[in-house]
C-alpha cells in the first residue's frame, strides 16, 4: 500500500485516479503529476516501484499544497472572513449559502433539515 502525503492511496486503481484521493489533488493535478514523473496512464498503484512512489511524493511536496496545510489554510481564510464581519463571513457564521444562492426554497444542505413552525397549519 502506497502512502503519499499522509494518505493511504487505493492500490488496485490507476495511479491518476488514486492520486485524487488526496485532499487538494483533482483530476487535472493528478494528470500533471503523472506527466512530470513520467508514469504511463494505464499503470496501477500496486505496479509502482519504490523509486516511482518517492518521485510522486517529491513532486507533490514541491508543487502542491495538500491535506493538513490546505485544510488549515482554507479554515483560516473562512475564520478571517468571519472576524472581519463581511457579508461572506456573516453567511458562514449563520450557516447559510455564501455564493448568492436562493434560500426561500432549497438550500437545505446548508441550512439543515426543515424545522416545523408552531401555528403554521391551515
PDB file of N, CA and C in Angstrom:
ATOM      1  N   UNK A   1       0.845  -1.188   0.000  1.00  0.00           N
ATOM      2  CA  UNK A   1       0.000   0.000   0.000  1.00  0.00           C
ATOM      3  C   UNK A   1       0.884   1.243   0.000  1.00  0.00           C
ATOM      4  N   UNK A   2       0.665   2.121  -0.974  1.00  0.00           N
ATOM      5  CA  UNK A   2       1.464   3.336  -1.085  1.00  0.00           C
ATOM      6  C   UNK A   2       0.895   4.413  -0.167  1.00  0.00           C
ATOM      7  N   UNK A   3       1.781   5.080   0.535  1.00  0.00           N
ATOM      8  CA  UNK A   3       1.368   6.168   1.423  1.00  0.00           C
ATOM      9  C   UNK A   3       2.005   7.455   0.925  1.00  0.00           C
ATOM     10  N   UNK A   4       1.159   8.357   0.435  1.00  0.00           N
ATOM     11  CA  UNK A   4       1.638   9.620  -0.114  1.00  0.00           C
ATOM     12  C   UNK A   4       0.900  10.762   0.580  1.00  0.00           C
ATOM     13  N   UNK A   5       1.638  11.749   1.043  1.00  0.00           N
ATOM     14  CA  UNK A   5       1.087  12.932   1.727  1.00  0.00           C
ATOM     15  C   UNK A   5       0.237  12.538   2.927  1.00  0.00           C
ATOM     16  N   UNK A   6       0.624  11.468   3.616  1.00  0.00           N
ATOM     17  CA  UNK A   6      -0.094  11.034   4.808  1.00  0.00           C
ATOM     18  C   UNK A   6      -1.393  10.298   4.528  1.00  0.00           C
ATOM     19  N   UNK A   7      -1.610   9.881   3.273  1.00  0.00           N
ATOM     20  CA  UNK A   7      -2.844   9.190   2.902  1.00  0.00           C
ATOM     21  C   UNK A   7      -2.492   7.858   2.260  1.00  0.00           C
ATOM     22  N   UNK A   8      -3.175   6.801   2.686  1.00  0.00           N
ATOM     23  CA  UNK A   8      -3.026   5.511   2.020  1.00  0.00           C
ATOM     24  C   UNK A   8      -3.861   5.540   0.755  1.00  0.00           C
ATOM     25  N   UNK A   9      -3.188   5.548  -0.403  1.00  0.00           N
ATOM     26  CA  UNK A   9      -3.952   5.611  -1.645  1.00  0.00           C
ATOM     27  C   UNK A   9      -4.337   4.199  -2.075  1.00  0.00           C
ATOM     28  N   UNK A  10      -5.529   4.042  -2.707  1.00  0.00           N
ATOM     29  CA  UNK A  10      -6.005   2.707  -3.090  1.00  0.00           C
ATOM     30  C   UNK A  10      -5.042   2.015  -4.041  1.00  0.00           C
ATOM     31  N   UNK A  11      -4.767   0.743  -3.793  1.00  0.00           N
ATOM     32  CA  UNK A  11      -3.728   0.024  -4.545  1.00  0.00           C
ATOM     33  C   UNK A  11      -4.203  -0.529  -5.883  1.00  0.00           C
ATOM     34  N   UNK A  12      -5.476  -0.857  -6.018  1.00  0.00           N
ATOM     35  CA  UNK A  12      -5.914  -1.530  -7.246  1.00  0.00           C
ATOM     36  C   UNK A  12      -6.380  -0.557  -8.329  1.00  0.00           C
ATOM     37  N   UNK A  13      -6.325   0.756  -8.079  1.00  0.00           N
ATOM     38  CA  UNK A  13      -6.767   1.744  -9.065  1.00  0.00           C
ATOM     39  C   UNK A  13      -5.579   2.256  -9.881  1.00  0.00           C
ATOM     40  N   UNK A  14      -5.892   2.893 -11.017  1.00  0.00           N
ATOM     41  CA  UNK A  14      -4.850   3.530 -11.809  1.00  0.00           C
ATOM     42  C   UNK A  14      -4.260   4.678 -11.001  1.00  0.00           C
ATOM     43  N   UNK A  15      -2.992   4.966 -11.231  1.00  0.00           N
ATOM     44  CA  UNK A  15      -2.269   5.972 -10.443  1.00  0.00           C
ATOM     45  C   UNK A  15      -2.972   7.329 -10.524  1.00  0.00           C
ATOM     46  N   UNK A  16      -3.375   7.711 -11.737  1.00  0.00           N
ATOM     47  CA  UNK A  16      -4.003   9.015 -11.949  1.00  0.00           C
ATOM     48  C   UNK A  16      -5.292   9.148 -11.140  1.00  0.00           C
ATOM     49  N   UNK A  17      -6.072   8.082 -11.046  1.00  0.00           N
ATOM     50  CA  UNK A  17      -7.334   8.093 -10.288  1.00  0.00           C
ATOM     51  C   UNK A  17      -7.040   8.043  -8.794  1.00  0.00           C
ATOM     52  N   UNK A  18      -6.074   7.235  -8.399  1.00  0.00           N
ATOM     53  CA  UNK A  18      -5.759   7.053  -6.977  1.00  0.00           C
ATOM     54  C   UNK A  18      -5.225   8.343  -6.349  1.00  0.00           C
ATOM     55  N   UNK A  19      -4.496   9.137  -7.116  1.00  0.00           N
ATOM     56  CA  UNK A  19      -3.946  10.383  -6.575  1.00  0.00           C
ATOM     57  C   UNK A  19      -5.041  11.369  -6.194  1.00  0.00           C
ATOM     58  N   UNK A  20      -6.223  11.266  -6.816  1.00  0.00           N
ATOM     59  CA  UNK A  20      -7.311  12.188  -6.488  1.00  0.00           C
ATOM     60  C   UNK A  20      -7.904  11.915  -5.111  1.00  0.00           C
ATOM     61  N   UNK A  21      -7.520  10.812  -4.473  1.00  0.00           N
ATOM     62  CA  UNK A  21      -7.999  10.544  -3.113  1.00  0.00           C
ATOM     63  C   UNK A  21      -7.267  11.418  -2.089  1.00  0.00           C
ATOM     64  N   UNK A  22      -6.233  12.118  -2.530  1.00  0.00           N
ATOM     65  CA  UNK A  22      -5.506  13.056  -1.668  1.00  0.00           C
ATOM     66  C   UNK A  22      -6.226  14.397  -1.724  1.00  0.00           C
ATOM     67  N   UNK A  23      -6.535  14.975  -0.571  1.00  0.00           N
ATOM     68  CA  UNK A  23      -7.236  16.254  -0.498  1.00  0.00           C
ATOM     69  C   UNK A  23      -6.363  17.342  -1.114  1.00  0.00           C
ATOM     70  N   UNK A  24      -6.886  18.025  -2.123  1.00  0.00           N
ATOM     71  CA  UNK A  24      -6.145  19.088  -2.784  1.00  0.00           C
ATOM     72  C   UNK A  24      -5.606  18.691  -4.137  1.00  0.00           C
ATOM     73  N   UNK A  25      -5.768  17.427  -4.523  1.00  0.00           N
ATOM     74  CA  UNK A  25      -5.337  16.984  -5.849  1.00  0.00           C
ATOM     75  C   UNK A  25      -6.557  16.474  -6.597  1.00  0.00           C
ATOM     76  N   UNK A  26      -6.888  17.160  -7.677  1.00  0.00           N
ATOM     77  CA  UNK A  26      -8.006  16.772  -8.519  1.00  0.00           C
ATOM     78  C   UNK A  26      -7.505  16.034  -9.749  1.00  0.00           C
ATOM     79  N   UNK A  27      -8.416  15.762 -10.687  1.00  0.00           N
ATOM     80  CA  UNK A  27      -8.026  15.031 -11.897  1.00  0.00           C
ATOM     81  C   UNK A  27      -6.930  15.738 -12.706  1.00  0.00           C
ATOM     82  N   UNK A  28      -7.027  17.055 -12.840  1.00  0.00           N
ATOM     83  CA  UNK A  28      -6.052  17.802 -13.642  1.00  0.00           C
ATOM     84  C   UNK A  28      -4.669  17.748 -12.996  1.00  0.00           C
ATOM     85  N   UNK A  29      -4.611  17.995 -11.701  1.00  0.00           N
ATOM     86  CA  UNK A  29      -3.327  17.974 -10.989  1.00  0.00           C
ATOM     87  C   UNK A  29      -2.728  16.566 -11.007  1.00  0.00           C
ATOM     88  N   UNK A  30      -3.582  15.536 -10.865  1.00  0.00           N
ATOM     89  CA  UNK A  30      -3.091  14.151 -10.886  1.00  0.00           C
ATOM     90  C   UNK A  30      -2.474  13.827 -12.239  1.00  0.00           C
ATOM     91  N   UNK A  31      -3.102  14.312 -13.310  1.00  0.00           N
ATOM     92  CA  UNK A  31      -2.568  14.079 -14.657  1.00  0.00           C
ATOM     93  C   UNK A  31      -1.225  14.778 -14.821  1.00  0.00           C
ATOM     94  N   UNK A  32      -1.122  16.018 -14.330  1.00  0.00           N
ATOM     95  CA  UNK A  32       0.138  16.766 -14.413  1.00  0.00           C
ATOM     96  C   UNK A  32       1.258  16.057 -13.648  1.00  0.00           C
ATOM     97  N   UNK A  33       0.938  15.545 -12.459  1.00  0.00           N
ATOM     98  CA  UNK A  33       1.932  14.843 -11.642  1.00  0.00           C
ATOM     99  C   UNK A  33       2.427  13.606 -12.380  1.00  0.00           C
ATOM    100  N   UNK A  34       1.498  12.846 -12.983  1.00  0.00           N
ATOM    101  CA  UNK A  34       1.883  11.639 -13.720  1.00  0.00           C
ATOM    102  C   UNK A  34       2.770  11.978 -14.918  1.00  0.00           C
ATOM    103  N   UNK A  35       2.494  13.116 -15.581  1.00  0.00           N
ATOM    104  CA  UNK A  35       3.323  13.526 -16.718  1.00  0.00           C
ATOM    105  C   UNK A  35       4.713  13.943 -16.261  1.00  0.00           C
ATOM    106  N   UNK A  36       4.794  14.670 -15.140  1.00  0.00           N
ATOM    107  CA  UNK A  36       6.088  15.121 -14.623  1.00  0.00           C
ATOM    108  C   UNK A  36       6.953  13.930 -14.215  1.00  0.00           C
ATOM    109  N   UNK A  37       6.337  12.956 -13.563  1.00  0.00           N
ATOM    110  CA  UNK A  37       7.070  11.785 -13.078  1.00  0.00           C
ATOM    111  C   UNK A  37       7.236  10.746 -14.188  1.00  0.00           C
ATOM    112  N   UNK A  38       6.572  10.964 -15.325  1.00  0.00           N
ATOM    113  CA  UNK A  38       6.575  10.081 -16.499  1.00  0.00           C
ATOM    114  C   UNK A  38       6.096   8.671 -16.159  1.00  0.00           C
ATOM    115  N   UNK A  39       4.868   8.613 -15.632  1.00  0.00           N
ATOM    116  CA  UNK A  39       4.198   7.335 -15.366  1.00  0.00           C
ATOM    117  C   UNK A  39       3.138   7.155 -16.449  1.00  0.00           C
ATOM    118  N   UNK A  40       3.117   6.018 -17.140  1.00  0.00           N
ATOM    119  CA  UNK A  40       2.110   5.793 -18.185  1.00  0.00           C
ATOM    120  C   UNK A  40       0.701   5.731 -17.592  1.00  0.00           C
ATOM    121  N   UNK A  41      -0.290   6.154 -18.376  1.00  0.00           N
ATOM    122  CA  UNK A  41      -1.674   6.262 -17.902  1.00  0.00           C
ATOM    123  C   UNK A  41      -2.266   4.952 -17.378  1.00  0.00           C
ATOM    124  N   UNK A  42      -2.069   3.805 -18.060  1.00  0.00           N
ATOM    125  CA  UNK A  42      -2.735   2.581 -17.570  1.00  0.00           C
ATOM    126  C   UNK A  42      -2.081   1.927 -16.349  1.00  0.00           C
ATOM    127  N   UNK A  43      -0.962   2.447 -15.875  1.00  0.00           N
ATOM    128  CA  UNK A  43      -0.241   1.823 -14.751  1.00  0.00           C
ATOM    129  C   UNK A  43      -1.034   1.937 -13.462  1.00  0.00           C
ATOM    130  N   UNK A  44      -1.045   0.870 -12.684  1.00  0.00           N
ATOM    131  CA  UNK A  44      -1.788   0.828 -11.427  1.00  0.00           C
ATOM    132  C   UNK A  44      -0.840   1.043 -10.248  1.00  0.00           C
ATOM    133  N   UNK A  45      -1.412   1.402  -9.115  1.00  0.00           N
ATOM    134  CA  UNK A  45      -0.613   1.743  -7.940  1.00  0.00           C
ATOM    135  C   UNK A  45       0.205   0.546  -7.453  1.00  0.00           C
ATOM    136  N   UNK A  46      -0.386  -0.647  -7.491  1.00  0.00           N
ATOM    137  CA  UNK A  46       0.361  -1.828  -7.000  1.00  0.00           C
ATOM    138  C   UNK A  46       1.512  -2.217  -7.921  1.00  0.00           C
ATOM    139  N   UNK A  47       1.588  -1.644  -9.134  1.00  0.00           N
ATOM    140  CA  UNK A  47       2.690  -1.909 -10.064  1.00  0.00           C
ATOM    141  C   UNK A  47       3.826  -0.900  -9.921  1.00  0.00           C
ATOM    142  N   UNK A  48       3.629   0.117  -9.086  1.00  0.00           N
ATOM    143  CA  UNK A  48       4.646   1.164  -8.920  1.00  0.00           C
ATOM    144  C   UNK A  48       5.851   0.640  -8.142  1.00  0.00           C
ATOM    145  N   UNK A  49       7.043   1.086  -8.562  1.00  0.00           N
ATOM    146  CA  UNK A  49       8.247   0.753  -7.800  1.00  0.00           C
ATOM    147  C   UNK A  49       8.411   1.784  -6.679  1.00  0.00           C
ATOM    148  N   UNK A  50       9.278   1.478  -5.732  1.00  0.00           N
ATOM    149  CA  UNK A  50       9.526   2.403  -4.615  1.00  0.00           C
ATOM    150  C   UNK A  50      10.083   3.735  -5.115  1.00  0.00           C
ATOM    151  N   UNK A  51      10.921   3.680  -6.147  1.00  0.00           N
ATOM    152  CA  UNK A  51      11.514   4.902  -6.698  1.00  0.00           C
ATOM    153  C   UNK A  51      10.434   5.803  -7.289  1.00  0.00           C
ATOM    154  N   UNK A  52       9.455   5.203  -7.980  1.00  0.00           N
ATOM    155  CA  UNK A  52       8.374   5.981  -8.575  1.00  0.00           C
ATOM    156  C   UNK A  52       7.495   6.625  -7.499  1.00  0.00           C
ATOM    157  N   UNK A  53       7.230   5.886  -6.423  1.00  0.00           N
ATOM    158  CA  UNK A  53       6.435   6.435  -5.316  1.00  0.00           C
ATOM    159  C   UNK A  53       7.160   7.625  -4.695  1.00  0.00           C
ATOM    160  N   UNK A  54       8.469   7.515  -4.543  1.00  0.00           N
ATOM    161  CA  UNK A  54       9.261   8.611  -3.980  1.00  0.00           C
ATOM    162  C   UNK A  54       9.223   9.822  -4.911  1.00  0.00           C
ATOM    163  N   UNK A  55       9.313   9.581  -6.240  1.00  0.00           N
ATOM    164  CA  UNK A  55       9.238  10.683  -7.212  1.00  0.00           C
ATOM    165  C   UNK A  55       7.898  11.397  -7.120  1.00  0.00           C
ATOM    166  N   UNK A  56       6.809  10.622  -6.997  1.00  0.00           N
ATOM    167  CA  UNK A  56       5.462  11.210  -6.878  1.00  0.00           C
ATOM    168  C   UNK A  56       5.383  12.052  -5.613  1.00  0.00           C
ATOM    169  N   UNK A  57       5.872  11.495  -4.499  1.00  0.00           N
ATOM    170  CA  UNK A  57       5.853  12.189  -3.212  1.00  0.00           C
ATOM    171  C   UNK A  57       6.607  13.513  -3.299  1.00  0.00           C
ATOM    172  N   UNK A  58       7.790  13.502  -3.952  1.00  0.00           N
ATOM    173  CA  UNK A  58       8.594  14.716  -4.093  1.00  0.00           C
ATOM    174  C   UNK A  58       7.900  15.738  -4.977  1.00  0.00           C
ATOM    175  N   UNK A  59       7.253  15.268  -6.070  1.00  0.00           N
ATOM    176  CA  UNK A  59       6.552  16.181  -6.982  1.00  0.00           C
ATOM    177  C   UNK A  59       5.398  16.879  -6.259  1.00  0.00           C
ATOM    178  N   UNK A  60       4.694  16.142  -5.416  1.00  0.00           N
ATOM    179  CA  UNK A  60       3.575  16.725  -4.662  1.00  0.00           C
ATOM    180  C   UNK A  60       4.101  17.715  -3.626  1.00  0.00           C
ATOM    181  N   UNK A  61       5.166  17.356  -2.920  1.00  0.00           N
ATOM    182  CA  UNK A  61       5.746  18.253  -1.915  1.00  0.00           C
ATOM    183  C   UNK A  61       6.253  19.543  -2.546  1.00  0.00           C
ATOM    184  N   UNK A  62       6.818  19.423  -3.748  1.00  0.00           N
ATOM    185  CA  UNK A  62       7.403  20.570  -4.428  1.00  0.00           C
ATOM    186  C   UNK A  62       6.351  21.555  -4.933  1.00  0.00           C
ATOM    187  N   UNK A  63       5.263  21.045  -5.532  1.00  0.00           N
ATOM    188  CA  UNK A  63       4.386  21.933  -6.259  1.00  0.00           C
ATOM    189  C   UNK A  63       2.966  22.114  -5.758  1.00  0.00           C
ATOM    190  N   UNK A  64       2.542  21.378  -4.733  1.00  0.00           N
ATOM    191  CA  UNK A  64       1.135  21.423  -4.339  1.00  0.00           C
ATOM    192  C   UNK A  64       0.983  21.548  -2.836  1.00  0.00           C
ATOM    193  N   UNK A  65      -0.032  22.307  -2.423  1.00  0.00           N
ATOM    194  CA  UNK A  65      -0.411  22.367  -1.013  1.00  0.00           C
ATOM    195  C   UNK A  65      -1.540  21.352  -0.830  1.00  0.00           C
ATOM    196  N   UNK A  66      -1.322  20.339   0.002  1.00  0.00           N
ATOM    197  CA  UNK A  66      -2.302  19.262   0.151  1.00  0.00           C
ATOM    198  C   UNK A  66      -2.572  18.962   1.620  1.00  0.00           C
ATOM    199  N   UNK A  67      -3.645  18.204   1.829  1.00  0.00           N
ATOM    200  CA  UNK A  67      -4.051  17.666   3.130  1.00  0.00           C
ATOM    201  C   UNK A  67      -4.062  18.710   4.246  1.00  0.00           C
ATOM    202  N   UNK A  68      -3.309  18.506   5.307  1.00  0.00           N
ATOM    203  CA  UNK A  68      -3.386  19.329   6.513  1.00  0.00           C
ATOM    204  C   UNK A  68      -3.121  20.800   6.271  1.00  0.00           C
ATOM    205  N   UNK A  69      -2.083  21.104   5.482  1.00  0.00           N
ATOM    206  CA  UNK A  69      -1.747  22.505   5.199  1.00  0.00           C
ATOM    207  C   UNK A  69      -2.889  23.200   4.466  1.00  0.00           C
ATOM    208  N   UNK A  70      -3.462  22.516   3.475  1.00  0.00           N
ATOM    209  CA  UNK A  70      -4.546  23.110   2.691  1.00  0.00           C
ATOM    210  C   UNK A  70      -5.802  23.280   3.535  1.00  0.00           C
ATOM    211  N   UNK A  71      -6.137  22.256   4.327  1.00  0.00           N
ATOM    212  CA  UNK A  71      -7.309  22.361   5.212  1.00  0.00           C
ATOM    213  C   UNK A  71      -7.156  23.524   6.190  1.00  0.00           C
ATOM    214  N   UNK A  72      -5.964  23.661   6.756  1.00  0.00           N
ATOM    215  CA  UNK A  72      -5.692  24.748   7.702  1.00  0.00           C
ATOM    216  C   UNK A  72      -5.813  26.100   6.999  1.00  0.00           C
ATOM    217  N   UNK A  73      -5.287  26.194   5.784  1.00  0.00           N
ATOM    218  CA  UNK A  73      -5.337  27.441   5.023  1.00  0.00           C
ATOM    219  C   UNK A  73      -6.783  27.834   4.719  1.00  0.00           C
ATOM    220  N   UNK A  74      -7.586  26.877   4.287  1.00  0.00           N
ATOM    221  CA  UNK A  74      -8.990  27.148   3.963  1.00  0.00           C
ATOM    222  C   UNK A  74      -9.749  27.583   5.215  1.00  0.00           C
ATOM    223  N   UNK A  75      -9.547  26.870   6.328  1.00  0.00           N
ATOM    224  CA  UNK A  75     -10.262  27.223   7.556  1.00  0.00           C
ATOM    225  C   UNK A  75      -9.823  28.593   8.084  1.00  0.00           C
ATOM    226  N   UNK A  76      -8.549  28.927   7.923  1.00  0.00           N
ATOM    227  CA  UNK A  76      -8.068  30.251   8.348  1.00  0.00           C
ATOM    228  C   UNK A  76      -8.675  31.360   7.484  1.00  0.00           C
ATOM    229  N   UNK A  77      -8.843  31.089   6.182  1.00  0.00           N
ATOM    230  CA  UNK A  77      -9.471  32.075   5.296  1.00  0.00           C
ATOM    231  C   UNK A  77     -10.920  32.320   5.702  1.00  0.00           C
ATOM    232  N   UNK A  78     -11.638  31.241   6.021  1.00  0.00           N
ATOM    233  CA  UNK A  78     -13.035  31.372   6.449  1.00  0.00           C
ATOM    234  C   UNK A  78     -13.106  32.113   7.782  1.00  0.00           C
ATOM    235  N   UNK A  79     -12.212  31.776   8.705  1.00  0.00           N
ATOM    236  CA  UNK A  79     -12.179  32.442  10.008  1.00  0.00           C
ATOM    237  C   UNK A  79     -11.887  33.933   9.850  1.00  0.00           C
ATOM    238  N   UNK A  80     -10.986  34.277   8.920  1.00  0.00           N
ATOM    239  CA  UNK A  80     -10.662  35.674   8.657  1.00  0.00           C
ATOM    240  C   UNK A  80     -11.891  36.431   8.166  1.00  0.00           C
ATOM    241  N   UNK A  81     -12.653  35.828   7.260  1.00  0.00           N
ATOM    242  CA  UNK A  81     -13.873  36.465   6.756  1.00  0.00           C
ATOM    243  C   UNK A  81     -14.883  36.675   7.886  1.00  0.00           C
ATOM    244  N   UNK A  82     -14.990  35.679   8.773  1.00  0.00           N
ATOM    245  CA  UNK A  82     -15.934  35.782   9.886  1.00  0.00           C
ATOM    246  C   UNK A  82     -15.501  36.876  10.859  1.00  0.00           C
ATOM    247  N   UNK A  83     -14.211  36.973  11.131  1.00  0.00           N
ATOM    248  CA  UNK A  83     -13.703  38.004  12.050  1.00  0.00           C
ATOM    249  C   UNK A  83     -13.885  39.409  11.476  1.00  0.00           C
ATOM    250  N   UNK A  84     -13.722  39.533  10.156  1.00  0.00           N
ATOM    251  CA  UNK A  84     -13.906  40.831   9.511  1.00  0.00           C
ATOM    252  C   UNK A  84     -15.353  41.307   9.604  1.00  0.00           C
ATOM    253  N   UNK A  85     -16.278  40.353   9.615  1.00  0.00           N
ATOM    254  CA  UNK A  85     -17.687  40.707   9.650  1.00  0.00           C
ATOM    255  C   UNK A  85     -18.224  41.104   8.288  1.00  0.00           C
ATOM    256  N   UNK A  86     -17.546  40.684   7.225  1.00  0.00           N
ATOM    257  CA  UNK A  86     -18.023  40.998   5.884  1.00  0.00           C
ATOM    258  C   UNK A  86     -19.219  40.092   5.563  1.00  0.00           C
ATOM    259  N   UNK A  87     -19.871  40.377   4.447  1.00  0.00           N
ATOM    260  CA  UNK A  87     -21.087  39.650   4.076  1.00  0.00           C
ATOM    261  C   UNK A  87     -20.844  38.142   4.022  1.00  0.00           C
ATOM    262  N   UNK A  88     -19.766  37.730   3.344  1.00  0.00           N
ATOM    263  CA  UNK A  88     -19.457  36.297   3.242  1.00  0.00           C
ATOM    264  C   UNK A  88     -19.190  35.681   4.611  1.00  0.00           C
ATOM    265  N   UNK A  89     -18.517  36.431   5.481  1.00  0.00           N
ATOM    266  CA  UNK A  89     -18.238  35.933   6.825  1.00  0.00           C
ATOM    267  C   UNK A  89     -19.510  35.749   7.631  1.00  0.00           C
ATOM    268  N   UNK A  90     -20.457  36.688   7.500  1.00  0.00           N
ATOM    269  CA  UNK A  90     -21.735  36.588   8.214  1.00  0.00           C
ATOM    270  C   UNK A  90     -22.509  35.370   7.726  1.00  0.00           C
ATOM    271  N   UNK A  91     -22.489  35.126   6.400  1.00  0.00           N
ATOM    272  CA  UNK A  91     -23.185  33.954   5.838  1.00  0.00           C
ATOM    273  C   UNK A  91     -22.570  32.660   6.378  1.00  0.00           C
ATOM    274  N   UNK A  92     -21.240  32.620   6.491  1.00  0.00           N
ATOM    275  CA  UNK A  92     -20.577  31.442   7.072  1.00  0.00           C
ATOM    276  C   UNK A  92     -21.011  31.260   8.522  1.00  0.00           C
ATOM    277  N   UNK A  93     -21.036  32.357   9.285  1.00  0.00           N
ATOM    278  CA  UNK A  93     -21.372  32.306  10.698  1.00  0.00           C
ATOM    279  C   UNK A  93     -22.790  31.788  10.910  1.00  0.00           C
ATOM    280  N   UNK A  94     -23.723  32.223  10.066  1.00  0.00           N
ATOM    281  CA  UNK A  94     -25.127  31.816  10.201  1.00  0.00           C
ATOM    282  C   UNK A  94     -25.431  30.468   9.555  1.00  0.00           C
ATOM    283  N   UNK A  95     -24.479  29.905   8.837  1.00  0.00           N
ATOM    284  CA  UNK A  95     -24.689  28.614   8.197  1.00  0.00           C
ATOM    285  C   UNK A  95     -25.601  28.680   6.989  1.00  0.00           C
ATOM    286  N   UNK A  96     -25.540  29.786   6.265  1.00  0.00           N
ATOM    287  CA  UNK A  96     -26.357  29.979   5.072  1.00  0.00           C
ATOM    288  C   UNK A  96     -25.472  29.921   3.833  1.00  0.00           C
ATOM    289  N   UNK A  97     -26.073  29.778   2.634  1.00  0.00           N
ATOM    290  CA  UNK A  97     -25.261  29.758   1.412  1.00  0.00           C
ATOM    291  C   UNK A  97     -24.469  31.051   1.251  1.00  0.00           C
ATOM    292  N   UNK A  98     -23.223  30.928   0.802  1.00  0.00           N
ATOM    293  CA  UNK A  98     -22.307  32.057   0.767  1.00  0.00           C
ATOM    294  C   UNK A  98     -22.282  32.725  -0.605  1.00  0.00           C
ATOM    295  N   UNK A  99     -22.578  31.990  -1.653  1.00  0.00           N
ATOM    296  CA  UNK A  99     -22.320  32.488  -3.007  1.00  0.00           C
ATOM    297  C   UNK A  99     -23.574  32.939  -3.749  1.00  0.00           C
ATOM    298  N   UNK A 100     -24.533  33.501  -3.044  1.00  0.00           N
ATOM    299  CA  UNK A 100     -25.659  34.147  -3.702  1.00  0.00           C
ATOM    300  C   UNK A 100     -26.809  33.237  -4.096  1.00  0.00           C
ATOM    301  N   UNK A 101     -26.831  31.988  -3.624  1.00  0.00           N
ATOM    302  CA  UNK A 101     -27.935  31.099  -3.968  1.00  0.00           C
ATOM    303  C   UNK A 101     -29.201  31.520  -3.236  1.00  0.00           C
ATOM    304  N   UNK A 102     -30.351  31.112  -3.756  1.00  0.00           N
ATOM    305  CA  UNK A 102     -31.614  31.457  -3.115  1.00  0.00           C
ATOM    306  C   UNK A 102     -31.813  30.618  -1.854  1.00  0.00           C
ATOM    307  N   UNK A 103     -32.506  31.184  -0.869  1.00  0.00           N
ATOM    308  CA  UNK A 103     -32.751  30.453   0.371  1.00  0.00           C
ATOM    309  C   UNK A 103     -34.230  30.342   0.691  1.00  0.00           C
ATOM    310  N   UNK A 104     -35.096  31.004  -0.086  1.00  0.00           N
ATOM    311  CA  UNK A 104     -36.539  30.907   0.169  1.00  0.00           C
ATOM    312  C   UNK A 104     -36.978  29.456   0.045  1.00  0.00           C
ATOM    313  N   UNK A 105     -36.578  28.820  -1.032  1.00  0.00           N
ATOM    314  CA  UNK A 105     -36.729  27.372  -1.168  1.00  0.00           C
ATOM    315  C   UNK A 105     -35.323  26.829  -1.372  1.00  0.00           C
ATOM    316  N   UNK A 106     -35.161  25.551  -1.242  1.00  0.00           N
ATOM    317  CA  UNK A 106     -33.849  24.897  -1.409  1.00  0.00           C
ATOM    318  C   UNK A 106     -32.868  25.318  -0.308  1.00  0.00           C
ATOM    319  N   UNK A 107     -31.604  25.197  -0.536  1.00  0.00           N
ATOM    320  CA  UNK A 107     -30.537  25.478   0.437  1.00  0.00           C
ATOM    321  C   UNK A 107     -30.620  24.564   1.648  1.00  0.00           C
ATOM    322  N   UNK A 108     -31.243  23.405   1.519  1.00  0.00           N
ATOM    323  CA  UNK A 108     -31.408  22.502   2.662  1.00  0.00           C
ATOM    324  C   UNK A 108     -30.074  21.889   3.090  1.00  0.00           C
ATOM    325  N   UNK A 109     -29.163  21.707   2.173  1.00  0.00           N
ATOM    326  CA  UNK A 109     -27.866  21.140   2.545  1.00  0.00           C
ATOM    327  C   UNK A 109     -27.166  22.049   3.541  1.00  0.00           C
ATOM    328  N   UNK A 110     -27.210  23.332   3.288  1.00  0.00           N
ATOM    329  CA  UNK A 110     -26.508  24.306   4.128  1.00  0.00           C
ATOM    330  C   UNK A 110     -27.287  24.610   5.407  1.00  0.00           C
ATOM    331  N   UNK A 111     -28.624  24.692   5.312  1.00  0.00           N
ATOM    332  CA  UNK A 111     -29.450  25.085   6.456  1.00  0.00           C
ATOM    333  C   UNK A 111     -29.811  23.918   7.368  1.00  0.00           C
ATOM    334  N   UNK A 112     -29.674  22.691   6.881  1.00  0.00           N
ATOM    335  CA  UNK A 112     -30.034  21.519   7.672  1.00  0.00           C
ATOM    336  C   UNK A 112     -31.483  21.136   7.424  1.00  0.00           C
ATOM    337  N   UNK A 113     -31.961  20.091   8.099  1.00  0.00           N
ATOM    338  CA  UNK A 113     -33.332  19.632   7.875  1.00  0.00           C
ATOM    339  C   UNK A 113     -34.359  20.693   8.277  1.00  0.00           C
ATOM    340  N   UNK A 114     -35.502  20.674   7.581  1.00  0.00           N
ATOM    341  CA  UNK A 114     -36.547  21.667   7.831  1.00  0.00           C
ATOM    342  C   UNK A 114     -37.121  21.478   9.230  1.00  0.00           C
ATOM    343  N   UNK A 115     -37.370  22.584   9.928  1.00  0.00           N
ATOM    344  CA  UNK A 115     -37.953  22.540  11.263  1.00  0.00           C
ATOM    345  C   UNK A 115     -39.395  23.021  11.184  1.00  0.00           C
ATOM    346  N   UNK A 116     -40.273  22.378  11.923  1.00  0.00           N
ATOM    347  CA  UNK A 116     -41.689  22.753  11.952  1.00  0.00           C
ATOM    348  C   UNK A 116     -41.858  24.097  12.659  1.00  0.00           C
ATOM    349  N   UNK A 117     -42.816  24.896  12.171  1.00  0.00           N
ATOM    350  CA  UNK A 117     -43.102  26.192  12.774  1.00  0.00           C
ATOM    351  C   UNK A 117     -44.464  26.099  13.472  1.00  0.00           C
ATOM    352  N   UNK A 118     -44.524  26.498  14.737  1.00  0.00           N
ATOM    353  CA  UNK A 118     -45.764  26.384  15.517  1.00  0.00           C
ATOM    354  C   UNK A 118     -46.819  27.325  14.924  1.00  0.00           C
ATOM    355  N   UNK A 119     -48.055  26.845  14.784  1.00  0.00           N
ATOM    356  CA  UNK A 119     -49.171  27.664  14.332  1.00  0.00           C
ATOM    357  C   UNK A 119     -49.204  27.924  12.840  1.00  0.00           C
ATOM    358  N   UNK A 120     -48.445  27.144  12.057  1.00  0.00           N
ATOM    359  CA  UNK A 120     -48.367  27.364  10.612  1.00  0.00           C
ATOM    360  C   UNK A 120     -49.485  26.604   9.875  1.00  0.00           C
ATOM    361  N   UNK A 121     -50.228  25.714  10.602  1.00  0.00           N
ATOM    362  CA  UNK A 121     -51.261  24.870   9.975  1.00  0.00           C
ATOM    363  C   UNK A 121     -52.394  25.714   9.409  1.00  0.00           C
ATOM    364  N   UNK A 122     -52.976  25.255   8.295  1.00  0.00           N
ATOM    365  CA  UNK A 122     -54.136  25.941   7.728  1.00  0.00           C
ATOM    366  C   UNK A 122     -55.336  25.020   7.716  1.00  0.00           C
TER     367      UNK A 122
END
